[in-house]
Amino acid sequence: MRSVTALACAVCAVLCLAPGTSAAPGDLVWSYATGGDVFSSPAVSGGYVYVGSYDGNVYCLDAATGALVWSHTTGSAVMSSPAVSGGYVYVGSYDQRVYCLDAATGALVWSHQTGNVVHSSPAVSGGNVYVGSSDCRVYCLDASTGVPVWSYQTGLGVDSSPAVSGGLVYVGGDDGKVYCLDASTGAFVWSYQTGSRVESSPAASGGYVYVGSQDNRVYCLDASTGALVWSYGTSHRVDSSPAVSGGYVYVGSLDGKVYCLDASTGALLWSYDTEADVRSSPAMSGGYVYVGSLDGTVNCLDASTGRLVWSYMADEVTCSPAVSGGYVYVGSFRMYCLQAGAGDPGEWPMFRRDLQNSGLLPFEFQLDSGWKNVGYGYTWLPPVSLANVTVTDGSEIKTWEGAAADGWIQDPAFYYTAEGYRELGSPAPPADSDEMEPGVAYWLLAYRPGLTVRIP
């Protein structure tokens, strides 16, 4: 379900923020409708956004306004994510070709024919372009001419995108292996066998390689030898590509969670449950983690705690966000540009968002850490006074006021009506704001997991 903001913007061509309006974190700045879904992750460079679409086009949009600068038509869907380097855009297509386009005009510079679809996203390093193909090969092409430098045959197709670091190329294969190849020659250096396909793209950092697998695990391998350092098990496959920052690894899983792991040990530091598949790969910027999920939300999480800062409802989000210049760029059924970061906590910027319906509020429900959206929809019942609501952690029962005073939950809570957000206990109308009213929706914030709220 789209938010009211997204629905309103679906009828406008590009710009969704009124001129002169100051965007709050998580606000939609602009959106652009391509002719198909956007599975490609955008690349931002020089004030422009480059992205592929299932309609077979590569688009260049103005990063500030979303205005179309140019588009280039390939022979099939473009699910590969563009790489921009030296004034050129490199991208793969399902027409089995790798393209090099002029970044300013979109004019074709060269293309190279592979033996199958190119889902992999190119990596550019040292004058070469590295990319995988479903023809079971990893290619190294001259970035200026597209002439092949070398290719390496894997056991099955390569949907994973290569990472180049220290003269080595790291890439995953549908045969379940993580490969390390010499960047200059394509010579085999090592491989590590996981338990299933590796569509996740490796991240090389600090002498280690981090990658997910469809065997439901995240791996940390020694970058030089391929030896296993640690692995962490999720409850579903990991197609998301890890992001590594500040000694932490951030990655999504199809179990609906975003994980933060210690980069050295693999120990779990926090997880955030989106309640939908997370194929999107996290993007890090300014102490925040930006990631999409299949329920259509783009989430901004506090990188230290996993707390939800804000979310924006778009459509199914499988691609990875790009963060640049204070904005988040992400694709779905459209291309979206959102304001990044977080505002003054006193402004509660997430409450300017349109709340999505999440069903009825039961008389007893669980609160995980972070914000929870619930609806008190028993319209035939009288309002419930917060003084009669209790919160328990399984061993101790507290009043609502006591739970707030002891740091279990955020008080006051907020609710949503047709008039917008209101703060419980606020002098703003309605006057009986210390009650949970029927027929409205609520945001509740828990600071610790495993809490149960009971309504009499």
Protein backbone atom coordinates (compact mmCIF):
# COMPACT_ATOMS: atom_id res chain seq x y z
CA MET A 1 0.00 0.00 0.00
CA ARG A 2 1.42 3.40 -0.95
CA SER A 3 1.41 6.35 1.39
CA VAL A 4 -0.79 9.34 0.65
CA THR A 5 2.37 11.25 -0.22
CA ALA A 6 3.44 8.60 -2.72
CA LEU A 7 -0.05 8.44 -4.23
CA ALA A 8 -0.17 12.19 -4.62
CA CYS A 9 3.24 12.19 -6.28
CA ALA A 10 2.26 9.42 -8.68
CA VAL A 11 0.23 11.96 -10.64
CA CYS A 12 3.02 14.52 -10.95
CA ALA A 13 5.76 14.17 -13.49
CA VAL A 14 8.85 14.77 -11.39
CA LEU A 15 9.01 17.36 -8.62
CA CYS A 16 6.95 16.55 -5.53
CA LEU A 17 8.24 19.08 -3.03
CA ALA A 18 6.80 22.54 -3.54
CA PRO A 19 9.44 25.14 -4.46
CA GLY A 20 10.76 26.88 -1.36
CA THR A 21 9.56 24.07 0.92
CA SER A 22 12.10 22.67 3.36
CA ALA A 23 12.11 18.88 3.41
CA ALA A 24 12.19 17.04 6.73
CA PRO A 25 14.14 13.78 7.03
CA GLY A 26 12.28 11.02 5.25
CA ASP A 27 10.21 13.44 3.17
CA LEU A 28 9.81 12.80 -0.54
CA VAL A 29 11.72 15.40 -2.57
CA TRP A 30 10.89 14.04 -6.02
CA SER A 31 9.96 10.88 -7.86
CA TYR A 32 10.34 9.86 -11.49
CA ALA A 33 8.33 7.17 -13.28
CA THR A 34 10.30 4.99 -15.67
CA GLY A 35 8.51 2.63 -18.03
CA GLY A 36 9.09 -0.37 -15.77
CA ASP A 37 10.03 -1.42 -12.26
CA VAL A 38 13.43 -0.34 -10.94
CA PHE A 39 15.48 -3.24 -9.60
CA SER A 40 18.76 -1.54 -10.46
CA SER A 41 20.47 0.38 -7.65
CA PRO A 42 21.14 4.01 -8.56
CA ALA A 43 24.59 5.55 -8.90
CA VAL A 44 25.01 9.23 -8.05
CA SER A 45 27.83 11.23 -9.58
CA GLY A 46 28.43 14.86 -10.54
CA GLY A 47 24.90 15.98 -9.69
CA TYR A 48 23.21 13.22 -11.67
CA VAL A 49 21.50 9.92 -10.85
CA TYR A 50 22.07 6.96 -13.16
CA VAL A 51 19.75 3.96 -12.95
CA GLY A 52 18.46 1.09 -15.03
CA SER A 53 14.85 0.00 -15.47
CA TYR A 54 13.00 -3.16 -16.38
CA ASP A 55 11.76 -1.25 -19.44
CA GLY A 56 15.22 -1.75 -20.97
CA ASN A 57 16.44 1.81 -20.54
CA VAL A 58 19.29 3.39 -18.64
CA TYR A 59 18.25 6.78 -17.24
CA CYS A 60 20.19 9.87 -16.26
CA LEU A 61 18.20 12.18 -13.97
CA ASP A 62 19.06 15.51 -12.40
CA ALA A 63 19.87 14.64 -8.78
CA ALA A 64 18.28 17.83 -7.41
CA THR A 65 15.01 17.85 -9.37
CA GLY A 66 14.56 14.38 -10.89
CA ALA A 67 14.27 15.90 -14.36
CA LEU A 68 15.21 13.56 -17.19
CA VAL A 69 18.58 14.41 -18.74
CA TRP A 70 18.82 11.44 -21.10
CA SER A 71 17.90 7.80 -21.52
CA HIS A 72 19.57 5.05 -23.52
CA THR A 73 17.67 2.00 -24.76
CA THR A 74 19.22 -1.45 -24.54
CA GLY A 75 17.75 -4.64 -25.92
CA SER A 76 16.15 -5.90 -22.72
CA ALA A 77 15.62 -5.29 -19.00
CA VAL A 78 18.36 -3.50 -17.08
CA MET A 79 18.62 -4.94 -13.56
CA SER A 80 22.35 -4.33 -13.30
CA SER A 81 23.38 -1.27 -11.29
CA PRO A 82 25.41 1.34 -13.18
CA ALA A 83 29.00 2.20 -12.28
CA VAL A 84 30.20 5.71 -13.12
CA SER A 85 33.88 6.43 -13.68
CA GLY A 86 35.92 8.88 -15.74
CA GLY A 87 32.92 10.40 -17.49
CA TYR A 88 31.43 7.06 -18.50
CA VAL A 89 28.57 4.86 -17.29
CA TYR A 90 29.03 1.08 -17.29
CA VAL A 91 26.03 -1.22 -16.96
CA GLY A 92 24.82 -4.68 -17.93
CA SER A 93 21.56 -5.72 -19.59
CA TYR A 94 19.44 -8.82 -20.00
CA ASP A 95 20.20 -8.53 -23.73
CA GLN A 96 23.51 -10.22 -22.75
CA ARG A 97 25.63 -7.13 -23.27
CA VAL A 98 27.77 -4.83 -21.14
CA TYR A 99 27.42 -1.16 -22.11
CA CYS A 100 29.67 1.86 -21.83
CA LEU A 101 27.77 5.14 -22.25
CA ASP A 102 28.88 8.75 -22.25
CA ALA A 103 27.82 10.04 -18.83
CA ALA A 104 26.94 13.50 -20.17
CA THR A 105 24.91 12.50 -23.22
CA GLY A 106 24.04 8.81 -22.94
CA ALA A 107 25.67 8.14 -26.31
CA LEU A 108 26.96 4.61 -26.81
CA VAL A 109 30.74 4.36 -26.53
CA TRP A 110 30.99 0.58 -26.78
CA SER A 111 29.20 -2.63 -25.87
CA HIS A 112 30.47 -6.14 -25.31
CA GLN A 113 28.49 -9.31 -26.03
CA THR A 114 28.51 -12.03 -23.35
CA GLY A 115 26.93 -15.46 -23.60
CA ASN A 116 23.91 -14.82 -21.35
CA VAL A 117 22.08 -12.15 -19.35
CA VAL A 118 24.11 -9.67 -17.31
CA HIS A 119 22.50 -9.16 -13.90
CA SER A 120 25.82 -8.45 -12.23
CA SER A 121 26.80 -4.82 -11.67
CA PRO A 122 30.16 -3.70 -13.07
CA ALA A 123 33.09 -2.63 -10.92
CA VAL A 124 35.64 -0.23 -12.41
CA SER A 125 39.24 -0.24 -11.25
CA GLY A 126 42.65 0.44 -12.77
CA GLY A 127 41.31 1.15 -16.26
CA ASN A 128 39.32 -2.10 -16.39
CA VAL A 129 35.68 -3.09 -15.96
CA TYR A 130 34.88 -6.27 -14.02
CA VAL A 131 31.47 -7.91 -14.37
CA GLY A 132 29.81 -11.30 -14.15
CA SER A 133 27.34 -12.98 -16.50
CA SER A 134 24.91 -15.88 -16.34
CA ASP A 135 27.11 -17.55 -18.99
CA CYS A 136 29.26 -18.75 -16.06
CA ARG A 137 32.01 -16.22 -16.59
CA VAL A 138 33.62 -13.25 -14.90
CA TYR A 139 34.84 -10.69 -17.44
CA CYS A 140 37.58 -8.11 -17.32
CA LEU A 141 37.14 -5.54 -20.11
CA ASP A 142 39.22 -2.54 -21.07
CA ALA A 143 37.25 0.43 -19.75
CA SER A 144 38.06 2.61 -22.77
CA THR A 145 37.41 0.14 -25.58
CA GLY A 146 35.47 -2.81 -24.18
CA VAL A 147 38.12 -5.17 -25.52
CA PRO A 148 38.35 -8.30 -23.32
CA VAL A 149 41.43 -8.47 -21.11
CA TRP A 150 40.53 -11.83 -19.63
CA SER A 151 37.59 -14.00 -18.59
CA TYR A 152 37.31 -16.68 -15.94
CA GLN A 153 34.88 -19.59 -16.08
CA THR A 154 32.96 -20.49 -12.92
CA GLY A 155 30.84 -23.55 -12.21
CA LEU A 156 27.50 -21.78 -12.76
CA GLY A 157 26.20 -18.31 -13.57
CA VAL A 158 27.44 -15.14 -11.87
CA ASP A 159 24.72 -12.74 -10.66
CA SER A 160 26.89 -11.38 -7.88
CA SER A 161 28.74 -8.12 -8.49
CA PRO A 162 32.53 -8.10 -8.22
CA ALA A 163 34.48 -6.19 -5.59
CA VAL A 164 38.03 -5.14 -6.45
CA SER A 165 40.57 -4.51 -3.70
CA GLY A 166 44.34 -4.82 -3.41
CA GLY A 167 44.81 -6.20 -6.90
CA LEU A 168 42.25 -8.96 -6.35
CA VAL A 169 38.68 -9.49 -7.57
CA TYR A 170 36.10 -11.06 -5.24
CA VAL A 171 32.79 -12.35 -6.61
CA GLY A 172 30.13 -14.92 -5.76
CA GLY A 173 28.74 -17.64 -8.03
CA ASP A 174 25.51 -19.56 -8.41
CA ASP A 175 27.63 -22.65 -7.74
CA GLY A 176 27.82 -21.54 -4.10
CA LYS A 177 31.42 -20.41 -4.24
CA VAL A 178 33.10 -17.14 -3.41
CA TYR A 179 35.95 -16.59 -5.88
CA CYS A 180 39.14 -14.60 -5.54
CA LEU A 181 40.90 -13.85 -8.84
CA ASP A 182 43.98 -11.87 -9.80
CA ALA A 183 42.68 -8.53 -11.11
CA SER A 184 45.40 -8.24 -13.78
CA THR A 185 45.38 -11.74 -15.21
CA GLY A 186 42.20 -13.45 -14.01
CA ALA A 187 44.29 -16.20 -12.49
CA PHE A 188 42.56 -18.24 -9.78
CA VAL A 189 43.75 -17.36 -6.26
CA TRP A 190 41.25 -19.15 -4.02
CA SER A 191 37.58 -20.09 -3.64
CA TYR A 192 35.38 -20.80 -0.65
CA GLN A 193 32.41 -23.15 -0.89
CA THR A 194 29.24 -22.05 0.90
CA GLY A 195 26.12 -24.20 1.18
CA SER A 196 24.12 -22.59 -1.64
CA ARG A 197 24.07 -19.89 -4.34
CA VAL A 198 25.89 -16.63 -3.70
CA GLU A 199 23.99 -13.74 -5.29
CA SER A 200 25.18 -11.37 -2.59
CA SER A 201 28.03 -9.13 -3.68
CA PRO A 202 31.17 -9.32 -1.52
CA ALA A 203 32.45 -6.39 0.50
CA ALA A 204 36.23 -6.26 1.01
CA SER A 205 37.43 -4.32 4.05
CA GLY A 206 40.37 -4.45 6.43
CA GLY A 207 41.83 -7.67 5.05
CA TYR A 208 38.51 -9.53 5.12
CA VAL A 209 35.72 -10.34 2.67
CA TYR A 210 32.11 -10.25 3.85
CA VAL A 211 29.37 -11.91 1.80
CA GLY A 212 25.96 -13.54 2.18
CA SER A 213 24.73 -16.86 0.82
CA GLN A 214 21.40 -18.52 0.14
CA ASP A 215 22.38 -21.10 2.75
CA ASN A 216 21.07 -18.50 5.26
CA ARG A 217 24.49 -17.37 6.42
CA VAL A 218 26.75 -14.33 6.37
CA TYR A 219 30.45 -15.14 5.93
CA CYS A 220 33.66 -13.41 6.87
CA LEU A 221 36.65 -14.79 4.95
CA ASP A 222 40.33 -13.96 5.05
CA ALA A 223 40.89 -11.81 1.95
CA SER A 224 44.30 -13.33 1.22
CA THR A 225 43.60 -17.02 1.77
CA GLY A 226 39.82 -17.49 1.73
CA ALA A 227 39.97 -19.14 5.14
CA LEU A 228 36.77 -18.89 7.16
CA VAL A 229 37.02 -16.35 9.97
CA TRP A 230 33.39 -16.57 11.12
CA SER A 231 29.87 -17.10 9.85
CA TYR A 232 26.52 -15.97 11.23
CA GLY A 233 23.26 -17.82 10.64
CA THR A 234 20.00 -16.06 9.86
CA SER A 235 16.67 -17.84 9.46
CA HIS A 236 16.45 -17.33 5.68
CA ARG A 237 18.70 -16.76 2.69
CA VAL A 238 20.97 -13.72 2.42
CA ASP A 239 20.91 -12.09 -1.02
CA SER A 240 21.64 -8.65 0.41
CA SER A 241 25.19 -7.41 0.03
CA PRO A 242 26.93 -6.45 3.27
CA ALA A 243 27.94 -2.88 4.07
CA VAL A 244 30.98 -2.52 6.35
CA SER A 245 31.58 0.61 8.40
CA GLY A 246 33.23 1.45 11.71
CA GLY A 247 33.95 -2.15 12.64
CA TYR A 248 30.40 -3.30 11.95
CA VAL A 249 28.72 -5.32 9.19
CA TYR A 250 25.19 -4.39 8.14
CA VAL A 251 23.22 -6.85 6.01
CA GLY A 252 19.63 -7.88 5.25
CA SER A 253 17.99 -11.29 5.02
CA LEU A 254 14.83 -12.75 3.54
CA ASP A 255 13.77 -13.45 7.12
CA GLY A 256 12.77 -9.77 7.14
CA LYS A 257 15.56 -8.55 9.36
CA VAL A 258 18.44 -6.14 9.03
CA TYR A 259 21.44 -7.31 11.05
CA CYS A 260 24.33 -5.46 12.61
CA LEU A 261 27.27 -7.79 13.34
CA ASP A 262 30.67 -7.21 14.86
CA ALA A 263 33.06 -7.23 11.89
CA SER A 264 35.79 -9.04 13.85
CA THR A 265 33.75 -11.75 15.56
CA GLY A 266 30.38 -11.97 13.83
CA ALA A 267 28.62 -11.38 17.14
CA LEU A 268 25.10 -9.98 16.80
CA LEU A 269 24.86 -6.39 18.05
CA TRP A 270 21.29 -5.67 16.97
CA SER A 271 18.65 -6.61 14.45
CA TYR A 272 15.65 -4.73 13.11
CA ASP A 273 12.59 -6.61 11.87
CA THR A 274 10.96 -5.05 8.81
CA GLU A 275 8.47 -7.96 8.71
CA ALA A 276 9.13 -8.42 4.97
CA ASP A 277 11.94 -9.79 2.77
CA VAL A 278 15.09 -7.67 2.78
CA ARG A 279 16.85 -8.18 -0.55
CA SER A 280 18.04 -4.58 -0.52
CA SER A 281 21.62 -3.95 0.52
CA PRO A 282 22.15 -1.37 3.27
CA ALA A 283 23.74 1.99 2.57
CA MET A 284 25.63 3.81 5.34
CA SER A 285 25.88 7.55 5.82
CA GLY A 286 26.19 9.91 8.77
CA GLY A 287 25.51 7.33 11.46
CA TYR A 288 22.40 5.98 9.74
CA VAL A 289 21.60 2.79 7.84
CA TYR A 290 19.27 3.09 4.85
CA VAL A 291 17.66 -0.08 3.54
CA GLY A 292 14.52 -1.13 1.68
CA SER A 293 12.22 -4.10 2.16
CA LEU A 294 9.63 -5.97 0.14
CA ASP A 295 6.75 -4.42 2.07
CA GLY A 296 7.55 -1.21 0.22
CA THR A 297 9.27 0.71 2.98
CA VAL A 298 12.55 2.58 2.84
CA ASN A 299 13.90 2.53 6.39
CA CYS A 300 16.36 4.82 8.11
CA LEU A 301 17.88 3.12 11.15
CA ASP A 302 20.25 4.39 13.80
CA ALA A 303 23.52 2.60 12.98
CA SER A 304 24.46 2.17 16.65
CA THR A 305 21.18 0.85 18.03
CA GLY A 306 19.04 -0.28 15.11
CA ARG A 307 16.28 2.08 16.24
CA LEU A 308 13.92 3.14 13.46
CA VAL A 309 14.42 6.85 12.79
CA TRP A 310 11.92 7.12 9.93
CA SER A 311 10.42 5.08 7.14
CA TYR A 312 8.88 6.03 3.82
CA MET A 313 6.27 3.89 2.10
CA ALA A 314 6.97 3.45 -1.62
CA ASP A 315 6.38 0.07 -3.29
CA GLU A 316 8.36 -3.17 -3.22
CA VAL A 317 12.01 -2.20 -2.70
CA THR A 318 14.60 -4.78 -3.76
CA CYS A 319 17.38 -2.48 -4.94
CA SER A 320 19.90 -0.77 -2.69
CA PRO A 321 19.66 2.91 -1.77
CA ALA A 322 22.38 5.40 -2.67
CA VAL A 323 23.07 8.29 -0.32
CA SER A 324 24.65 11.50 -1.61
CA GLY A 325 24.52 15.18 -0.71
CA GLY A 326 21.99 14.69 2.07
CA TYR A 327 19.54 12.72 -0.06
CA VAL A 328 18.58 9.05 -0.37
CA TYR A 329 17.98 7.75 -3.89
CA VAL A 330 16.16 4.45 -4.25
CA GLY A 331 14.18 2.61 -6.89
CA SER A 332 10.91 0.71 -6.74
CA PHE A 333 8.00 1.06 -9.18
CA ARG A 334 9.46 4.58 -9.56
CA MET A 335 12.71 6.34 -8.72
CA TYR A 336 12.50 8.19 -5.42
CA CYS A 337 14.60 10.92 -3.85
CA LEU A 338 14.12 11.31 -0.09
CA GLN A 339 15.63 13.70 2.42
CA ALA A 340 18.32 11.85 4.38
CA GLY A 341 19.32 12.08 8.03
CA ALA A 342 17.26 12.83 11.11
CA GLY A 343 15.87 16.10 12.38
CA ASP A 344 15.60 17.58 15.82
CA PRO A 345 14.15 14.77 18.00
CA GLY A 346 11.84 17.34 19.51
CA GLU A 347 10.20 17.73 16.12
CA TRP A 348 9.48 13.99 15.82
CA PRO A 349 9.86 14.15 12.01
CA MET A 350 8.55 10.60 11.48
CA PHE A 351 5.14 11.73 12.65
CA ARG A 352 4.69 13.95 9.62
CA ARG A 353 4.53 10.78 7.58
CA ASP A 354 1.24 9.17 6.54
CA LEU A 355 0.65 6.19 8.81
CA GLN A 356 -0.04 2.86 7.16
CA ASN A 357 -2.87 0.63 8.35
CA SER A 358 -1.50 -2.33 10.30
CA GLY A 359 -4.75 -3.87 11.55
CA LEU A 360 -6.49 -3.94 14.89
CA LEU A 361 -4.83 -3.55 18.22
CA PRO A 362 -5.37 -6.74 20.26
CA PHE A 363 -5.85 -6.67 23.98
CA GLU A 364 -2.35 -8.07 24.39
CA PHE A 365 0.49 -7.49 21.93
CA GLN A 366 4.26 -7.71 21.74
CA LEU A 367 6.66 -4.78 21.46
CA ASP A 368 10.11 -5.31 20.00
CA SER A 369 12.74 -2.60 20.27
CA GLY A 370 11.89 0.39 18.10
CA TRP A 371 8.68 1.93 16.81
CA LYS A 372 5.56 -0.17 16.36
CA ASN A 373 2.54 0.92 14.37
CA VAL A 374 -0.75 -0.41 15.80
CA GLY A 375 -4.41 0.48 15.34
CA TYR A 376 -7.04 0.50 18.09
CA GLY A 377 -9.95 -0.31 15.85
CA TYR A 378 -12.63 -1.63 18.20
CA THR A 379 -14.92 1.28 17.49
CA TRP A 380 -17.77 -0.10 19.57
CA LEU A 381 -15.66 0.02 22.73
CA PRO A 382 -15.01 3.08 24.88
CA PRO A 383 -11.57 4.72 24.94
CA VAL A 384 -8.95 3.01 27.08
CA SER A 385 -7.21 5.09 29.72
CA LEU A 386 -3.44 4.74 29.71
CA ALA A 387 -3.66 4.57 33.50
CA ASN A 388 -5.18 1.08 33.09
CA VAL A 389 -2.65 -0.20 30.53
CA THR A 390 0.18 -2.40 31.84
CA VAL A 391 3.54 -3.37 30.35
CA THR A 392 5.46 -6.53 31.33
CA ASP A 393 8.82 -8.02 30.46
CA GLY A 394 7.71 -11.47 31.58
CA SER A 395 8.91 -11.13 35.15
CA GLU A 396 7.79 -7.66 36.20
CA ILE A 397 4.57 -5.77 35.50
CA LYS A 398 4.55 -1.98 35.31
CA THR A 399 1.91 0.63 34.75
CA TRP A 400 2.18 2.61 31.51
CA GLU A 401 3.52 5.55 33.47
CA GLY A 402 5.98 3.35 35.38
CA ALA A 403 7.23 1.69 32.18
CA ALA A 404 7.87 5.12 30.70
CA ALA A 405 9.60 6.38 33.84
CA ASP A 406 11.90 3.34 33.92
CA GLY A 407 12.91 3.66 30.27
CA TRP A 408 10.98 0.71 28.86
CA ILE A 409 8.85 2.75 26.48
CA GLN A 410 8.56 6.27 25.14
CA ASP A 411 5.98 8.43 26.87
CA PRO A 412 4.03 10.19 25.57
CA ALA A 413 2.92 7.99 22.70
CA PHE A 414 1.53 9.46 19.51
CA TYR A 415 -1.56 8.69 17.52
CA TYR A 416 -2.87 9.55 14.08
CA THR A 417 -6.27 10.89 13.03
CA ALA A 418 -7.56 12.67 9.97
CA GLU A 419 -6.26 15.90 11.53
CA GLY A 420 -2.71 14.54 11.66
CA TYR A 421 -0.53 13.41 14.55
CA ARG A 422 -1.31 14.24 18.14
CA GLU A 423 0.73 13.67 21.25
CA LEU A 424 -0.88 11.91 24.20
CA GLY A 425 -0.83 14.23 27.20
CA SER A 426 -0.43 17.26 24.96
CA PRO A 427 -2.66 20.29 25.39
CA ALA A 428 -3.38 20.02 21.68
CA PRO A 429 -6.90 18.69 20.92
CA PRO A 430 -8.56 16.35 21.58
CA ALA A 431 -8.71 17.11 25.26
CA ASP A 432 -8.92 13.47 26.41
CA SER A 433 -5.47 12.74 25.01
CA ASP A 434 -4.46 10.44 27.88
CA GLU A 435 -6.73 7.79 26.39
CA MET A 436 -6.27 5.34 23.54
CA GLU A 437 -9.25 6.07 21.34
CA PRO A 438 -11.04 3.65 19.03
CA GLY A 439 -10.76 4.11 15.31
CA VAL A 440 -7.32 5.74 15.28
CA ALA A 441 -3.77 4.44 14.81
CA TYR A 442 -0.80 4.71 17.16
CA TRP A 443 2.98 4.78 17.12
CA LEU A 444 4.48 3.16 20.20
CA LEU A 445 8.21 3.11 20.96
CA ALA A 446 9.95 0.41 23.01
CA TYR A 447 13.55 0.74 24.20
CA ARG A 448 13.97 -2.96 24.94
CA PRO A 449 12.80 -6.19 23.28
CA GLY A 450 10.32 -8.73 24.62
CA LEU A 451 7.77 -6.37 26.17
CA THR A 452 4.07 -7.21 26.29
CA VAL A 453 1.40 -4.52 26.48
CA ARG A 454 -1.92 -5.49 28.07
CA ILE A 455 -5.15 -3.54 27.62
CA PRO A 456 -7.90 -4.24 30.18
